[in-house]
Protein backbone atom coordinates (compact mmCIF):
# COMPACT_ATOMS: atom_id res chain seq x y z
CA MET A 1 83.10 88.77 106.59
CA ASP A 2 84.89 89.79 109.84
CA ALA A 3 85.10 93.26 111.35
CA GLY A 4 88.40 94.04 109.91
CA LYS A 5 87.60 93.01 106.35
CA ARG A 6 84.35 95.23 106.71
CA ARG A 7 86.08 98.26 107.61
CA ILE A 8 88.42 97.82 104.83
CA ALA A 9 85.51 97.41 102.73
CA GLU A 10 83.77 100.37 104.16
CA SER A 11 86.94 102.56 103.73
CA ALA A 12 87.30 101.62 100.11
CA SER A 13 83.61 102.18 99.39
CA MET A 14 84.20 105.97 100.93
CA MET A 15 87.17 106.44 98.83
CA LEU A 16 85.62 105.30 95.71
CA ILE A 17 82.45 107.27 96.18
CA GLY A 18 84.29 110.46 97.28
CA GLU A 19 86.77 110.39 94.54
CA GLY A 20 84.07 109.64 91.84
CA VAL A 21 81.79 112.47 93.12
CA LEU A 22 84.91 114.81 92.68
CA ALA A 23 85.76 113.73 89.34
CA LEU A 24 81.88 113.87 88.42
CA TRP A 25 81.62 117.31 89.54
CA ARG A 26 84.91 118.83 87.92
CA PRO A 27 86.27 116.59 85.74
CA GLU A 28 89.32 118.50 84.24
CA ALA A 29 90.43 120.31 87.72
CA HIS A 30 90.28 116.71 89.28
CA CYS A 31 92.42 115.41 86.97
CA ARG A 32 94.85 118.31 86.59
CA LEU A 33 95.42 117.76 90.39
CA TRP A 34 97.15 114.31 89.32
CA ARG A 35 99.36 115.92 86.78
CA GLY A 36 103.07 115.31 87.63
CA ASP A 37 106.59 116.07 86.15
CA ALA A 38 106.88 115.49 82.29
CA GLY A 39 106.78 112.11 81.42
CA PRO A 40 104.38 109.30 80.81
CA TRP A 41 102.30 110.05 83.93
CA SER A 42 101.67 113.69 82.47
CA ARG A 43 100.68 112.52 79.15
CA LEU A 44 98.26 109.88 80.48
CA VAL A 45 96.83 112.59 82.98
CA ASP A 46 96.67 115.04 79.98
CA TRP A 47 94.93 112.66 77.79
CA PHE A 48 92.04 112.26 80.70
CA VAL A 49 92.01 116.37 81.07
CA ASP A 50 91.29 116.54 77.51
CA ARG A 51 88.24 113.72 77.55
CA PRO A 52 85.95 115.12 80.37
CA ASN A 53 83.43 112.57 79.38
CA VAL A 54 85.81 109.84 79.57
CA VAL A 55 86.63 110.99 83.22
CA ARG A 56 82.70 111.25 84.06
CA ALA A 57 82.29 107.75 82.74
CA VAL A 58 84.72 106.22 84.97
CA ALA A 59 84.16 108.31 87.94
CA ALA A 60 80.31 107.16 87.58
CA ALA A 61 81.64 103.64 87.54
CA GLU A 62 83.72 104.27 90.36
CA VAL A 63 80.70 105.67 92.38
CA ALA A 64 78.63 102.52 91.29
CA THR A 65 81.40 100.41 92.52
CA GLY A 66 81.66 102.04 95.74
CA CYS A 67 78.01 101.64 96.49
CA TRP A 68 77.80 98.11 95.40
CA LEU A 69 80.81 97.42 97.85
CA ALA A 70 79.08 99.18 100.71
CA PHE A 71 75.57 97.59 99.95
CA ARG A 72 77.38 94.25 99.59
CA GLN A 73 78.28 94.31 103.44
CA GLU A 74 74.40 94.81 104.53
CA ARG A 75 73.31 91.50 103.01
CA GLY A 76 72.49 88.76 105.35
CA PRO A 77 71.59 88.84 108.97
CA ALA A 78 72.15 92.02 111.15
CA ARG A 79 75.83 92.24 111.95
CA SER A 80 77.35 94.45 114.79
CA VAL A 81 80.99 95.52 114.75
CA ARG A 82 82.61 95.01 118.37
C-alpha cells in the first residue's frame, strides 16, 4: 500500500476509533448531537437515542474496525513514510 493510501487508512482508523469511543461513553448524548430538523433523519436518530445498547454495539464494532484497519497496515516488512 502506498503512503497516500496508508494515510487515508490511518485517518479513517482514527475517526472510527474516536467516534466509537465517544458513542460507547455517552451513547444518548452522542446521538443527540446528530439530530437535525424534523424528518426521516431525526426519526432515525431518535430511534438510536432510545436504544443506547444498540448504539454501544455499533460503537464497539466501529472501534474494532478502526483497530483492525490500523493493525492491518503494520503487517509485512517494516515501511517508512517519506
